[in-house]
Amino acid sequence: MVSKRCPNCGHQMQEFRELTEKEKEQARPHVPKHVSESSLLRCTNKNCRRWQQRGNYQVGGTLPPPE
């Protein structure tokens, strides 16, 4: 895991991990074409569903709520 700034958590530093395959499927329609899926990370804060590009917190979004 790595610490990154999370816009959904008030721009505080949070731990991020790699996306699971299911999370990649959910994020895929929103990922810009120039961004590799392998560079996407997920915030581990239990109240946050943020995904973002490693090294660029401005490229990201929020995963849909779990079913």
PDB file of N, CA and C in Angstrom:
ATOM      1  N   MET A   1       0.847  -1.184   0.000  1.00  0.00           N
ATOM      2  CA  MET A   1       0.000   0.000   0.000  1.00  0.00           C
ATOM      3  C   MET A   1       0.891   1.246   0.000  1.00  0.00           C
ATOM      4  N   VAL A   2       0.300   2.308  -0.526  1.00  0.00           N
ATOM      5  CA  VAL A   2       1.013   3.583  -0.597  1.00  0.00           C
ATOM      6  C   VAL A   2       0.109   4.685  -0.067  1.00  0.00           C
ATOM      7  N   SER A   3       0.706   5.729   0.485  1.00  0.00           N
ATOM      8  CA  SER A   3      -0.050   6.885   0.960  1.00  0.00           C
ATOM      9  C   SER A   3      -0.200   7.886  -0.170  1.00  0.00           C
ATOM     10  N   LYS A   4      -1.427   8.333  -0.388  1.00  0.00           N
ATOM     11  CA  LYS A   4      -1.740   9.309  -1.429  1.00  0.00           C
ATOM     12  C   LYS A   4      -2.789  10.285  -0.898  1.00  0.00           C
ATOM     13  N   ARG A   5      -2.857  11.441  -1.527  1.00  0.00           N
ATOM     14  CA  ARG A   5      -3.895  12.420  -1.213  1.00  0.00           C
ATOM     15  C   ARG A   5      -5.220  11.910  -1.775  1.00  0.00           C
ATOM     16  N   CYS A   6      -6.282  11.975  -0.964  1.00  0.00           N
ATOM     17  CA  CYS A   6      -7.602  11.511  -1.412  1.00  0.00           C
ATOM     18  C   CYS A   6      -8.596  12.672  -1.396  1.00  0.00           C
ATOM     19  N   PRO A   7      -9.043  13.130  -2.574  1.00  0.00           N
ATOM     20  CA  PRO A   7     -10.016  14.218  -2.624  1.00  0.00           C
ATOM     21  C   PRO A   7     -11.329  13.890  -1.913  1.00  0.00           C
ATOM     22  N   ASN A   8     -11.746  12.628  -1.922  1.00  0.00           N
ATOM     23  CA  ASN A   8     -12.998  12.245  -1.270  1.00  0.00           C
ATOM     24  C   ASN A   8     -12.888  12.259   0.251  1.00  0.00           C
ATOM     25  N   CYS A   9     -11.671  12.236   0.765  1.00  0.00           N
ATOM     26  CA  CYS A   9     -11.432  12.235   2.215  1.00  0.00           C
ATOM     27  C   CYS A   9     -10.897  13.591   2.673  1.00  0.00           C
ATOM     28  N   GLY A  10     -11.314  14.660   2.012  1.00  0.00           N
ATOM     29  CA  GLY A  10     -10.893  16.003   2.402  1.00  0.00           C
ATOM     30  C   GLY A  10      -9.441  16.301   2.064  1.00  0.00           C
ATOM     31  N   HIS A  11      -8.909  15.662   1.026  1.00  0.00           N
ATOM     32  CA  HIS A  11      -7.523  15.839   0.571  1.00  0.00           C
ATOM     33  C   HIS A  11      -6.506  15.421   1.633  1.00  0.00           C
ATOM     34  N   GLN A  12      -6.914  14.557   2.556  1.00  0.00           N
ATOM     35  CA  GLN A  12      -5.980  14.029   3.542  1.00  0.00           C
ATOM     36  C   GLN A  12      -5.239  12.840   2.953  1.00  0.00           C
ATOM     37  N   MET A  13      -4.076  12.560   3.494  1.00  0.00           N
ATOM     38  CA  MET A  13      -3.300  11.402   3.068  1.00  0.00           C
ATOM     39  C   MET A  13      -3.990  10.132   3.561  1.00  0.00           C
ATOM     40  N   GLN A  14      -4.164   9.179   2.643  1.00  0.00           N
ATOM     41  CA  GLN A  14      -4.796   7.899   2.963  1.00  0.00           C
ATOM     42  C   GLN A  14      -3.968   6.781   2.342  1.00  0.00           C
ATOM     43  N   GLU A  15      -4.148   5.594   2.853  1.00  0.00           N
ATOM     44  CA  GLU A  15      -3.504   4.420   2.267  1.00  0.00           C
ATOM     45  C   GLU A  15      -4.313   3.984   1.044  1.00  0.00           C
ATOM     46  N   PHE A  16      -3.621   3.647  -0.043  1.00  0.00           N
ATOM     47  CA  PHE A  16      -4.248   3.174  -1.274  1.00  0.00           C
ATOM     48  C   PHE A  16      -3.689   1.806  -1.623  1.00  0.00           C
ATOM     49  N   ARG A  17      -4.507   0.987  -2.273  1.00  0.00           N
ATOM     50  CA  ARG A  17      -4.107  -0.335  -2.737  1.00  0.00           C
ATOM     51  C   ARG A  17      -4.499  -0.468  -4.207  1.00  0.00           C
ATOM     52  N   GLU A  18      -4.054  -1.542  -4.856  1.00  0.00           N
ATOM     53  CA  GLU A  18      -4.438  -1.784  -6.242  1.00  0.00           C
ATOM     54  C   GLU A  18      -5.907  -2.173  -6.307  1.00  0.00           C
ATOM     55  N   LEU A  19      -6.543  -1.910  -7.441  1.00  0.00           N
ATOM     56  CA  LEU A  19      -7.944  -2.277  -7.632  1.00  0.00           C
ATOM     57  C   LEU A  19      -8.075  -3.786  -7.851  1.00  0.00           C
ATOM     58  N   THR A  20      -9.199  -4.346  -7.387  1.00  0.00           N
ATOM     59  CA  THR A  20      -9.516  -5.731  -7.698  1.00  0.00           C
ATOM     60  C   THR A  20     -10.033  -5.782  -9.133  1.00  0.00           C
ATOM     61  N   GLU A  21     -10.188  -6.981  -9.680  1.00  0.00           N
ATOM     62  CA  GLU A  21     -10.712  -7.116 -11.041  1.00  0.00           C
ATOM     63  C   GLU A  21     -12.123  -6.524 -11.148  1.00  0.00           C
ATOM     64  N   LYS A  22     -12.960  -6.759 -10.153  1.00  0.00           N
ATOM     65  CA  LYS A  22     -14.323  -6.211 -10.167  1.00  0.00           C
ATOM     66  C   LYS A  22     -14.292  -4.684 -10.151  1.00  0.00           C
ATOM     67  N   GLU A  23     -13.419  -4.104  -9.339  1.00  0.00           N
ATOM     68  CA  GLU A  23     -13.299  -2.644  -9.273  1.00  0.00           C
ATOM     69  C   GLU A  23     -12.783  -2.075 -10.594  1.00  0.00           C
ATOM     70  N   LYS A  24     -11.855  -2.782 -11.243  1.00  0.00           N
ATOM     71  CA  LYS A  24     -11.361  -2.338 -12.548  1.00  0.00           C
ATOM     72  C   LYS A  24     -12.495  -2.308 -13.565  1.00  0.00           C
ATOM     73  N   GLU A  25     -13.357  -3.314 -13.543  1.00  0.00           N
ATOM     74  CA  GLU A  25     -14.503  -3.352 -14.456  1.00  0.00           C
ATOM     75  C   GLU A  25     -15.424  -2.162 -14.216  1.00  0.00           C
ATOM     76  N   GLN A  26     -15.638  -1.808 -12.949  1.00  0.00           N
ATOM     77  CA  GLN A  26     -16.522  -0.687 -12.622  1.00  0.00           C
ATOM     78  C   GLN A  26     -15.900   0.652 -13.025  1.00  0.00           C
ATOM     79  N   ALA A  27     -14.601   0.772 -12.899  1.00  0.00           N
ATOM     80  CA  ALA A  27     -13.920   2.034 -13.206  1.00  0.00           C
ATOM     81  C   ALA A  27     -13.637   2.195 -14.691  1.00  0.00           C
ATOM     82  N   ARG A  28     -13.487   1.099 -15.411  1.00  0.00           N
ATOM     83  CA  ARG A  28     -13.043   1.101 -16.817  1.00  0.00           C
ATOM     84  C   ARG A  28     -13.761   2.136 -17.701  1.00  0.00           C
ATOM     85  N   PRO A  29     -15.092   2.277 -17.635  1.00  0.00           N
ATOM     86  CA  PRO A  29     -15.746   3.255 -18.518  1.00  0.00           C
ATOM     87  C   PRO A  29     -15.345   4.713 -18.240  1.00  0.00           C
ATOM     88  N   HIS A  30     -14.760   4.961 -17.074  1.00  0.00           N
ATOM     89  CA  HIS A  30     -14.436   6.334 -16.670  1.00  0.00           C
ATOM     90  C   HIS A  30     -12.945   6.640 -16.753  1.00  0.00           C
ATOM     91  N   VAL A  31     -12.139   5.647 -17.095  1.00  0.00           N
ATOM     92  CA  VAL A  31     -10.686   5.824 -17.144  1.00  0.00           C
ATOM     93  C   VAL A  31     -10.298   6.403 -18.509  1.00  0.00           C
ATOM     94  N   PRO A  32      -9.573   7.527 -18.537  1.00  0.00           N
ATOM     95  CA  PRO A  32      -9.124   8.084 -19.819  1.00  0.00           C
ATOM     96  C   PRO A  32      -8.267   7.073 -20.585  1.00  0.00           C
ATOM     97  N   LYS A  33      -8.310   7.142 -21.899  1.00  0.00           N
ATOM     98  CA  LYS A  33      -7.619   6.162 -22.743  1.00  0.00           C
ATOM     99  C   LYS A  33      -6.105   6.160 -22.534  1.00  0.00           C
ATOM    100  N   HIS A  34      -5.536   7.288 -22.145  1.00  0.00           N
ATOM    101  CA  HIS A  34      -4.080   7.358 -21.972  1.00  0.00           C
ATOM    102  C   HIS A  34      -3.608   6.788 -20.631  1.00  0.00           C
ATOM    103  N   VAL A  35      -4.556   6.356 -19.778  1.00  0.00           N
ATOM    104  CA  VAL A  35      -4.214   5.858 -18.450  1.00  0.00           C
ATOM    105  C   VAL A  35      -4.261   4.328 -18.438  1.00  0.00           C
ATOM    106  N   SER A  36      -3.201   3.717 -17.951  1.00  0.00           N
ATOM    107  CA  SER A  36      -3.136   2.257 -17.840  1.00  0.00           C
ATOM    108  C   SER A  36      -3.903   1.794 -16.606  1.00  0.00           C
ATOM    109  N   GLU A  37      -4.667   0.728 -16.748  1.00  0.00           N
ATOM    110  CA  GLU A  37      -5.406   0.184 -15.595  1.00  0.00           C
ATOM    111  C   GLU A  37      -4.469  -0.241 -14.471  1.00  0.00           C
ATOM    112  N   SER A  38      -3.252  -0.620 -14.818  1.00  0.00           N
ATOM    113  CA  SER A  38      -2.299  -1.055 -13.792  1.00  0.00           C
ATOM    114  C   SER A  38      -1.837   0.104 -12.908  1.00  0.00           C
ATOM    115  N   SER A  39      -2.121   1.346 -13.318  1.00  0.00           N
ATOM    116  CA  SER A  39      -1.714   2.508 -12.529  1.00  0.00           C
ATOM    117  C   SER A  39      -2.834   3.015 -11.623  1.00  0.00           C
ATOM    118  N   LEU A  40      -3.941   2.278 -11.538  1.00  0.00           N
ATOM    119  CA  LEU A  40      -5.070   2.726 -10.727  1.00  0.00           C
ATOM    120  C   LEU A  40      -4.989   2.171  -9.309  1.00  0.00           C
ATOM    121  N   LEU A  41      -5.351   3.024  -8.357  1.00  0.00           N
ATOM    122  CA  LEU A  41      -5.328   2.662  -6.945  1.00  0.00           C
ATOM    123  C   LEU A  41      -6.678   2.948  -6.308  1.00  0.00           C
ATOM    124  N   ARG A  42      -6.939   2.310  -5.167  1.00  0.00           N
ATOM    125  CA  ARG A  42      -8.211   2.462  -4.449  1.00  0.00           C
ATOM    126  C   ARG A  42      -7.923   2.883  -3.022  1.00  0.00           C
ATOM    127  N   CYS A  43      -8.650   3.885  -2.535  1.00  0.00           N
ATOM    128  CA  CYS A  43      -8.527   4.340  -1.148  1.00  0.00           C
ATOM    129  C   CYS A  43      -9.033   3.235  -0.219  1.00  0.00           C
ATOM    130  N   THR A  44      -8.309   2.998   0.874  1.00  0.00           N
ATOM    131  CA  THR A  44      -8.695   1.943   1.809  1.00  0.00           C
ATOM    132  C   THR A  44      -9.503   2.454   2.994  1.00  0.00           C
ATOM    133  N   ASN A  45      -9.789   3.754   3.054  1.00  0.00           N
ATOM    134  CA  ASN A  45     -10.652   4.281   4.112  1.00  0.00           C
ATOM    135  C   ASN A  45     -12.001   3.572   4.017  1.00  0.00           C
ATOM    136  N   LYS A  46     -12.513   3.036   5.127  1.00  0.00           N
ATOM    137  CA  LYS A  46     -13.735   2.226   5.076  1.00  0.00           C
ATOM    138  C   LYS A  46     -14.958   2.987   4.579  1.00  0.00           C
ATOM    139  N   ASN A  47     -14.935   4.303   4.648  1.00  0.00           N
ATOM    140  CA  ASN A  47     -16.074   5.109   4.196  1.00  0.00           C
ATOM    141  C   ASN A  47     -15.875   5.690   2.795  1.00  0.00           C
ATOM    142  N   CYS A  48     -14.813   5.308   2.119  1.00  0.00           N
ATOM    143  CA  CYS A  48     -14.462   5.914   0.835  1.00  0.00           C
ATOM    144  C   CYS A  48     -14.435   4.858  -0.261  1.00  0.00           C
ATOM    145  N   ARG A  49     -14.867   5.242  -1.467  1.00  0.00           N
ATOM    146  CA  ARG A  49     -14.858   4.341  -2.621  1.00  0.00           C
ATOM    147  C   ARG A  49     -14.052   4.951  -3.772  1.00  0.00           C
ATOM    148  N   ARG A  50     -13.106   5.815  -3.430  1.00  0.00           N
ATOM    149  CA  ARG A  50     -12.299   6.546  -4.412  1.00  0.00           C
ATOM    150  C   ARG A  50     -11.294   5.647  -5.113  1.00  0.00           C
ATOM    151  N   TRP A  51     -11.203   5.805  -6.438  1.00  0.00           N
ATOM    152  CA  TRP A  51     -10.108   5.218  -7.227  1.00  0.00           C
ATOM    153  C   TRP A  51      -9.414   6.366  -7.930  1.00  0.00           C
ATOM    154  N   GLN A  52      -8.119   6.251  -8.139  1.00  0.00           N
ATOM    155  CA  GLN A  52      -7.383   7.303  -8.829  1.00  0.00           C
ATOM    156  C   GLN A  52      -6.098   6.751  -9.396  1.00  0.00           C
ATOM    157  N   GLN A  53      -5.525   7.528 -10.311  1.00  0.00           N
ATOM    158  CA  GLN A  53      -4.282   7.136 -10.958  1.00  0.00           C
ATOM    159  C   GLN A  53      -3.115   7.355 -10.001  1.00  0.00           C
ATOM    160  N   ARG A  54      -2.210   6.408  -9.976  1.00  0.00           N
ATOM    161  CA  ARG A  54      -0.980   6.553  -9.182  1.00  0.00           C
ATOM    162  C   ARG A  54      -0.221   7.762  -9.728  1.00  0.00           C
ATOM    163  N   GLY A  55       0.104   8.714  -8.889  1.00  0.00           N
ATOM    164  CA  GLY A  55       0.880   9.866  -9.322  1.00  0.00           C
ATOM    165  C   GLY A  55       0.062  11.042  -9.835  1.00  0.00           C
ATOM    166  N   ASN A  56      -1.273  10.893  -9.947  1.00  0.00           N
ATOM    167  CA  ASN A  56      -2.109  11.997 -10.421  1.00  0.00           C
ATOM    168  C   ASN A  56      -3.502  11.860  -9.810  1.00  0.00           C
ATOM    169  N   TYR A  57      -3.688  12.457  -8.637  1.00  0.00           N
ATOM    170  CA  TYR A  57      -4.964  12.308  -7.933  1.00  0.00           C
ATOM    171  C   TYR A  57      -6.129  12.963  -8.675  1.00  0.00           C
ATOM    172  N   GLN A  58      -5.836  13.813  -9.658  1.00  0.00           N
ATOM    173  CA  GLN A  58      -6.909  14.480 -10.389  1.00  0.00           C
ATOM    174  C   GLN A  58      -7.593  13.558 -11.396  1.00  0.00           C
ATOM    175  N   VAL A  59      -6.943  12.439 -11.729  1.00  0.00           N
ATOM    176  CA  VAL A  59      -7.549  11.442 -12.615  1.00  0.00           C
ATOM    177  C   VAL A  59      -8.113  10.346 -11.723  1.00  0.00           C
ATOM    178  N   GLY A  60      -9.432  10.345 -11.567  1.00  0.00           N
ATOM    179  CA  GLY A  60     -10.042   9.351 -10.698  1.00  0.00           C
ATOM    180  C   GLY A  60     -11.534   9.554 -10.603  1.00  0.00           C
ATOM    181  N   GLY A  61     -12.138   8.791  -9.736  1.00  0.00           N
ATOM    182  CA  GLY A  61     -13.580   8.868  -9.549  1.00  0.00           C
ATOM    183  C   GLY A  61     -13.998   8.054  -8.336  1.00  0.00           C
ATOM    184  N   THR A  62     -15.294   7.864  -8.211  1.00  0.00           N
ATOM    185  CA  THR A  62     -15.855   7.116  -7.098  1.00  0.00           C
ATOM    186  C   THR A  62     -16.563   5.883  -7.621  1.00  0.00           C
ATOM    187  N   LEU A  63     -16.221   4.739  -7.059  1.00  0.00           N
ATOM    188  CA  LEU A  63     -16.871   3.492  -7.449  1.00  0.00           C
ATOM    189  C   LEU A  63     -18.321   3.492  -6.977  1.00  0.00           C
ATOM    190  N   PRO A  64     -19.201   2.792  -7.691  1.00  0.00           N
ATOM    191  CA  PRO A  64     -20.594   2.712  -7.250  1.00  0.00           C
ATOM    192  C   PRO A  64     -20.676   1.958  -5.919  1.00  0.00           C
ATOM    193  N   PRO A  65     -21.741   2.176  -5.155  1.00  0.00           N
ATOM    194  CA  PRO A  65     -21.879   1.468  -3.876  1.00  0.00           C
ATOM    195  C   PRO A  65     -21.990  -0.034  -4.102  1.00  0.00           C
ATOM    196  N   PRO A  66     -21.574  -0.840  -3.132  1.00  0.00           N
ATOM    197  CA  PRO A  66     -21.657  -2.287  -3.291  1.00  0.00           C
ATOM    198  C   PRO A  66     -23.119  -2.735  -3.382  1.00  0.00           C
ATOM    199  N   GLU A  67     -23.308  -3.814  -4.100  1.00  0.00           N
ATOM    200  CA  GLU A  67     -24.685  -4.326  -4.292  1.00  0.00           C
ATOM    201  C   GLU A  67     -25.094  -5.199  -3.137  1.00  0.00           C
TER     202      GLU A  67
END
